Amino acid sequence: MVRDKVNFGIINIDKPTGPTSFSVSNYVRRDLSLKKASHLGTLDPKVTGVLPITLGRACRLSGFFMNHDKTYIGILHTHKEQNIKDLQKRINKSFLGKITQTPPHKSAVKRAPRIREVFQWELLEVGQHIPNIENELSDIKISSSNISVGKEFLFVSKVEGGTYIRKLCSDLGEEIGGAHMAELRRTKAGIFDETKMYTLNEFKEAIEDYKKGKVAKIESMITPADEAIKKVMPTIQIKKDAVKELYKGLAPRKDQFENPKEFEDFPENQTFAIFSESTFIEIAQKITTEYRIAKPLFVYN
């Protein structure tokens, strides 16, 4: 059972400041003796927090998890003193909703303007005693301080996947005489958050047990990929006598579904997962043509 999880699972690492996202995923891959592991969304070396890592064959599912919404908490440093209420008004006017953003110079994607959505960018506190954001961010209690003017602002932001928080801060700075992101921590990436997340030290301890034949720790840390799939897309049951055909890569037929009406209710181009009882079979996309009703995207055989 644990070997199945290792080869087709996801582990949520609490990335520390310092290493790159690639080096963390490579560390996990090496210690689990896997051919491949990949992270779901790059964090800068100085940024900490939620870093889900796909394991083994689950790497082929990265695209289905990658672009989901992300939530961050961080510290904005302005080069001139700002009033928190006035600054929030400027953010609400220019940096909420759909915005056009050009990725920073140091990025893994082409530097071309693109549309991204900012759902929330809220300034929480201003002052000299902002808590260390690496410590239990979700439990931070905002003080009742009367300070309204300063250069350091604790903020929370929820954005569409692929949005650069550092660039948000610098773009805001262009309007107010300078600003930059001082610290940042990711608290949520799609379905993964801080409630089930493990430090590299905890992972190392689990690996030491794993190599001794004690699998309980590492098994509890890994989310089976088929469980995660159910949380990001609709599922449908296939009849047992259709499983062999699907394993061969053949497109499903409507009469092979246990409840064809469920499939009919899917909109065109809907991505969905096919199960036979509790067994994950494949991910497909509804595409209606003269010859088929759906296209297989990933078959787990």
Protein backbone atom coordinates (compact mmCIF):
# COMPACT_ATOMS: atom_id res chain seq x y z
CA MET A 1 0.00 0.00 0.00
CA VAL A 2 2.70 2.54 0.93
CA ARG A 3 4.59 1.78 -2.28
CA ASP A 4 1.44 2.66 -4.26
CA LYS A 5 1.20 5.97 -2.40
CA VAL A 6 4.86 6.75 -3.01
CA ASN A 7 4.56 6.12 -6.73
CA PHE A 8 1.21 7.86 -7.14
CA GLY A 9 0.82 10.41 -4.38
CA ILE A 10 1.37 14.00 -3.28
CA ILE A 11 3.24 15.23 -0.21
CA ASN A 12 2.82 18.78 1.08
CA ILE A 13 6.16 20.16 2.27
CA ASP A 14 6.57 23.27 4.43
CA LYS A 15 9.30 24.88 2.35
CA PRO A 16 11.88 26.74 4.46
CA THR A 17 13.65 29.91 3.43
CA GLY A 18 16.85 29.25 1.47
CA PRO A 19 16.49 26.31 -0.93
CA THR A 20 14.79 26.53 -4.31
CA SER A 21 11.52 24.71 -4.94
CA PHE A 22 13.36 22.45 -7.39
CA SER A 23 15.99 21.47 -4.80
CA VAL A 24 13.26 20.60 -2.27
CA SER A 25 11.39 18.40 -4.76
CA ASN A 26 14.69 16.81 -5.83
CA TYR A 27 15.50 16.06 -2.18
CA VAL A 28 12.13 14.33 -1.77
CA ARG A 29 12.60 12.40 -5.02
CA ARG A 30 16.06 11.15 -4.02
CA ASP A 31 15.11 10.06 -0.51
CA LEU A 32 12.05 8.17 -1.78
CA SER A 33 14.15 6.53 -4.55
CA LEU A 34 11.83 7.82 -7.25
CA LYS A 35 12.63 8.52 -10.89
CA LYS A 36 10.60 11.71 -10.78
CA ALA A 37 9.01 14.25 -8.43
CA SER A 38 7.79 17.75 -9.22
CA HIS A 39 6.44 20.69 -7.24
CA LEU A 40 3.09 22.37 -7.85
CA GLY A 41 4.07 26.03 -8.22
CA THR A 42 7.46 27.64 -7.70
CA LEU A 43 8.30 29.55 -4.53
CA ASP A 44 11.28 31.91 -4.54
CA PRO A 45 14.20 30.75 -2.34
CA LYS A 46 13.32 33.32 0.35
CA VAL A 47 9.60 32.47 0.32
CA THR A 48 8.30 29.80 2.71
CA GLY A 49 5.20 27.68 3.10
CA VAL A 50 2.95 25.28 1.22
CA LEU A 51 4.83 23.36 -1.49
CA PRO A 52 2.89 20.30 -2.71
CA ILE A 53 5.14 17.76 -4.46
CA THR A 54 3.81 15.13 -6.85
CA LEU A 55 5.47 11.72 -6.64
CA GLY A 56 6.20 9.21 -9.40
CA ARG A 57 3.39 8.86 -11.92
CA ALA A 58 1.43 11.58 -10.13
CA CYS A 59 3.78 14.07 -11.82
CA ARG A 60 1.70 13.62 -14.97
CA LEU A 61 -1.24 15.11 -13.07
CA SER A 62 0.55 18.38 -12.23
CA GLY A 63 -1.38 20.36 -14.82
CA PHE A 64 -4.68 19.49 -13.16
CA PHE A 65 -3.54 20.99 -9.83
CA MET A 66 -1.09 23.72 -10.85
CA ASN A 67 -3.30 26.67 -11.75
CA HIS A 68 -5.64 26.67 -8.79
CA ASP A 69 -5.90 29.69 -6.49
CA LYS A 70 -3.09 30.50 -4.06
CA THR A 71 -3.21 32.33 -0.71
CA TYR A 72 -0.27 34.20 0.83
CA ILE A 73 0.55 36.25 3.88
CA GLY A 74 3.42 38.68 3.72
CA ILE A 75 4.99 42.00 4.58
CA LEU A 76 4.88 44.98 2.23
CA HIS A 77 7.61 47.59 2.74
CA THR A 78 6.89 51.04 1.33
CA HIS A 79 9.75 53.47 0.72
CA LYS A 80 7.73 56.37 2.09
CA GLU A 81 5.35 56.41 5.03
CA GLN A 82 1.79 55.56 4.02
CA ASN A 83 -1.60 55.69 5.70
CA ILE A 84 -3.02 52.17 5.80
CA LYS A 85 -6.56 53.26 4.86
CA ASP A 86 -5.38 55.36 1.92
CA LEU A 87 -3.09 52.58 0.75
CA GLN A 88 -5.91 50.04 0.94
CA LYS A 89 -8.13 52.31 -1.17
CA ARG A 90 -5.42 52.46 -3.84
CA ILE A 91 -5.08 48.67 -3.79
CA ASN A 92 -8.84 48.23 -4.07
CA LYS A 93 -8.96 50.58 -7.04
CA SER A 94 -6.02 49.28 -9.09
CA PHE A 95 -5.03 45.81 -7.87
CA LEU A 96 -8.21 43.80 -7.27
CA GLY A 97 -10.11 41.80 -9.83
CA LYS A 98 -8.63 41.03 -13.24
CA ILE A 99 -5.30 42.80 -13.75
CA THR A 100 -2.59 42.75 -16.39
CA GLN A 101 0.74 41.59 -15.00
CA THR A 102 4.14 41.10 -16.63
CA PRO A 103 6.24 38.41 -14.86
CA PRO A 104 9.45 39.68 -13.19
CA HIS A 105 12.85 39.36 -14.88
CA LYS A 106 13.73 36.31 -12.77
CA SER A 107 10.83 34.00 -13.61
CA ALA A 108 10.30 30.60 -15.17
CA VAL A 109 7.88 31.90 -17.80
CA LYS A 110 8.05 34.21 -20.79
CA ARG A 111 8.02 37.89 -19.86
CA ALA A 112 4.83 38.88 -21.64
CA PRO A 113 1.78 40.71 -20.24
CA ARG A 114 -0.98 38.35 -19.11
CA ILE A 115 -4.31 38.59 -17.34
CA ARG A 116 -4.51 37.32 -13.77
CA GLU A 117 -7.18 37.74 -11.09
CA VAL A 118 -6.54 39.07 -7.59
CA PHE A 119 -9.40 38.00 -5.33
CA GLN A 120 -8.08 39.57 -2.13
CA TRP A 121 -5.25 41.88 -1.14
CA GLU A 122 -5.96 43.13 2.36
CA LEU A 123 -3.66 45.14 4.60
CA LEU A 124 -4.03 43.75 8.12
CA GLU A 125 -1.68 45.77 10.30
CA VAL A 126 0.90 48.53 10.21
CA GLY A 127 3.76 49.14 12.63
CA GLN A 128 7.13 48.10 13.88
CA HIS A 129 6.07 44.89 15.64
CA ILE A 130 4.68 42.76 12.85
CA PRO A 131 4.96 39.06 13.84
CA ASN A 132 7.43 36.73 12.15
CA ILE A 133 5.40 35.33 9.26
CA GLU A 134 7.17 31.95 9.37
CA ASN A 135 5.44 31.09 12.65
CA GLU A 136 1.87 29.74 12.52
CA LEU A 137 0.57 32.35 10.10
CA SER A 138 -2.97 31.07 10.18
CA ASP A 139 -3.09 31.76 13.95
CA ILE A 140 -1.86 35.36 13.81
CA LYS A 141 -3.98 37.66 15.97
CA ILE A 142 -4.14 41.21 14.67
CA SER A 143 -3.54 43.72 17.45
CA SER A 144 -5.86 46.60 18.22
CA SER A 145 -3.04 49.08 17.57
CA ASN A 146 -4.06 52.65 16.74
CA ILE A 147 -1.07 53.04 14.42
CA SER A 148 -2.29 53.97 10.96
CA VAL A 149 0.86 55.32 9.29
CA GLY A 150 4.11 53.48 8.62
CA LYS A 151 6.29 51.65 6.12
CA GLU A 152 5.68 48.02 7.11
CA PHE A 153 2.31 46.41 6.35
CA LEU A 154 1.20 42.87 7.12
CA PHE A 155 -1.09 41.65 4.33
CA VAL A 156 -3.03 38.63 3.13
CA SER A 157 -3.64 37.96 -0.55
CA LYS A 158 -5.60 35.37 -2.50
CA VAL A 159 -4.78 35.21 -6.20
CA GLU A 160 -5.20 33.16 -9.34
CA GLY A 161 -2.40 30.65 -9.91
CA GLY A 162 0.51 32.21 -11.79
CA THR A 163 0.20 35.62 -10.13
CA TYR A 164 3.47 37.07 -8.79
CA ILE A 165 3.03 38.70 -5.37
CA ARG A 166 6.48 40.30 -5.55
CA LYS A 167 5.45 42.00 -8.80
CA LEU A 168 2.16 43.13 -7.26
CA CYS A 169 4.13 44.90 -4.54
CA SER A 170 6.58 46.53 -6.93
CA ASP A 171 3.77 47.60 -9.29
CA LEU A 172 2.02 49.24 -6.34
CA GLY A 173 5.33 50.91 -5.52
CA GLU A 174 5.39 52.58 -8.91
CA GLU A 175 2.23 54.45 -7.91
CA ILE A 176 3.29 55.49 -4.42
CA GLY A 177 6.99 56.31 -4.70
CA GLY A 178 8.41 52.83 -4.16
CA ALA A 179 7.52 49.56 -2.42
CA HIS A 180 8.70 45.97 -2.33
CA MET A 181 7.78 42.63 -0.80
CA ALA A 182 9.84 42.17 2.36
CA GLU A 183 8.64 38.68 3.36
CA LEU A 184 6.18 36.14 2.02
CA ARG A 185 4.68 32.81 2.99
CA ARG A 186 2.23 30.69 1.02
CA THR A 187 -0.55 29.33 3.22
CA LYS A 188 -2.67 27.61 0.58
CA ALA A 189 -2.20 26.22 -2.93
CA GLY A 190 -5.42 24.84 -4.38
CA ILE A 191 -6.61 22.00 -2.13
CA PHE A 192 -3.37 21.97 -0.10
CA ASP A 193 -2.90 24.14 2.98
CA GLU A 194 -1.13 24.28 6.33
CA THR A 195 -3.41 21.75 8.03
CA LYS A 196 -1.48 18.83 6.51
CA MET A 197 2.05 20.02 5.84
CA TYR A 198 5.45 18.68 6.91
CA THR A 199 8.86 20.22 7.48
CA LEU A 200 11.94 18.74 5.86
CA ASN A 201 13.04 17.51 9.27
CA GLU A 202 9.75 15.66 9.74
CA PHE A 203 10.11 14.19 6.28
CA LYS A 204 13.68 13.10 7.06
CA GLU A 205 12.55 11.33 10.24
CA ALA A 206 9.81 9.53 8.30
CA ILE A 207 12.34 8.43 5.68
CA GLU A 208 14.65 7.02 8.36
CA ASP A 209 11.75 4.91 9.65
CA TYR A 210 10.74 3.97 6.11
CA LYS A 211 14.19 2.58 5.36
CA LYS A 212 13.89 0.44 8.48
CA GLY A 213 10.57 -0.98 7.30
CA LYS A 214 8.41 1.29 9.46
CA VAL A 215 5.96 2.84 6.98
CA ALA A 216 3.36 4.49 9.25
CA LYS A 217 4.91 7.99 9.28
CA ILE A 218 5.59 8.36 5.59
CA GLU A 219 2.26 6.77 4.67
CA SER A 220 0.37 9.29 6.82
CA MET A 221 2.18 12.18 5.11
CA ILE A 222 1.30 11.24 1.54
CA THR A 223 -2.08 12.03 0.01
CA PRO A 224 -3.01 9.39 -2.60
CA ALA A 225 -3.32 11.09 -5.97
CA ASP A 226 -6.71 9.51 -6.68
CA GLU A 227 -8.07 11.08 -3.47
CA ALA A 228 -6.73 14.48 -4.48
CA ILE A 229 -8.25 14.13 -7.96
CA LYS A 230 -11.73 13.84 -6.47
CA LYS A 231 -11.29 17.28 -4.90
CA VAL A 232 -10.40 19.14 -8.10
CA MET A 233 -12.77 17.66 -10.70
CA PRO A 234 -16.08 15.78 -10.97
CA THR A 235 -16.03 11.99 -11.02
CA ILE A 236 -18.17 9.38 -12.74
CA GLN A 237 -18.48 5.62 -12.32
CA ILE A 238 -17.76 3.23 -15.21
CA LYS A 239 -19.16 -0.29 -15.52
CA LYS A 240 -16.73 -3.04 -14.59
CA ASP A 241 -16.86 -4.70 -18.01
CA ALA A 242 -15.62 -1.46 -19.61
CA VAL A 243 -12.42 -1.17 -17.57
CA LYS A 244 -10.25 -3.27 -19.90
CA GLU A 245 -11.16 -1.14 -22.88
CA LEU A 246 -10.33 2.07 -21.06
CA TYR A 247 -6.99 0.66 -19.89
CA LYS A 248 -6.13 0.18 -23.57
CA GLY A 249 -6.60 3.92 -24.11
CA LEU A 250 -9.94 3.66 -25.91
CA ALA A 251 -12.37 6.55 -25.49
CA PRO A 252 -15.31 5.81 -23.18
CA ARG A 253 -18.81 5.32 -24.58
CA LYS A 254 -21.92 6.71 -22.99
CA ASP A 255 -23.40 3.23 -22.46
CA GLN A 256 -20.35 2.28 -20.38
CA PHE A 257 -21.18 4.80 -17.64
CA GLU A 258 -23.16 3.59 -14.64
CA ASN A 259 -25.22 6.80 -14.83
CA PRO A 260 -25.05 8.31 -18.37
CA LYS A 261 -27.19 11.26 -17.23
CA GLU A 262 -24.31 12.49 -15.05
CA PHE A 263 -22.08 12.61 -18.10
CA GLU A 264 -24.74 14.37 -20.19
CA ASP A 265 -24.90 17.11 -17.55
CA PHE A 266 -21.19 17.89 -17.95
CA PRO A 267 -20.53 20.98 -20.09
CA GLU A 268 -18.49 20.58 -23.27
CA ASN A 269 -14.71 20.37 -22.59
CA GLN A 270 -15.32 19.40 -18.95
CA THR A 271 -12.42 17.43 -17.47
CA PHE A 272 -13.55 14.55 -15.24
CA ALA A 273 -12.21 11.45 -13.51
CA ILE A 274 -13.46 7.94 -14.18
CA PHE A 275 -13.60 5.37 -11.38
CA SER A 276 -14.70 1.76 -11.17
CA GLU A 277 -16.07 1.69 -7.62
CA SER A 278 -13.05 2.93 -5.59
CA THR A 279 -10.45 2.21 -8.30
CA PHE A 280 -9.20 5.20 -10.30
CA ILE A 281 -9.14 4.46 -14.03
CA GLU A 282 -8.44 7.66 -15.95
CA ILE A 283 -8.95 11.37 -16.49
CA ALA A 284 -10.90 12.31 -19.62
CA GLN A 285 -12.34 15.39 -21.28
CA LYS A 286 -15.83 15.67 -22.72
CA ILE A 287 -15.41 16.37 -26.43
CA THR A 288 -18.37 15.62 -28.65
CA THR A 289 -17.48 14.63 -32.21
CA GLU A 290 -18.92 12.33 -34.82
CA TYR A 291 -16.78 9.47 -33.55
CA ARG A 292 -16.54 9.91 -29.78
CA ILE A 293 -17.91 11.69 -26.73
CA ALA A 294 -14.75 12.05 -24.65
CA LYS A 295 -10.98 12.05 -25.01
CA PRO A 296 -8.67 10.21 -22.56
CA LEU A 297 -6.08 12.57 -21.03
CA PHE A 298 -4.40 10.23 -18.54
CA VAL A 299 -4.91 6.50 -18.06
CA TYR A 300 -3.65 4.90 -14.85
CA ASN A 301 -2.84 1.32 -15.84
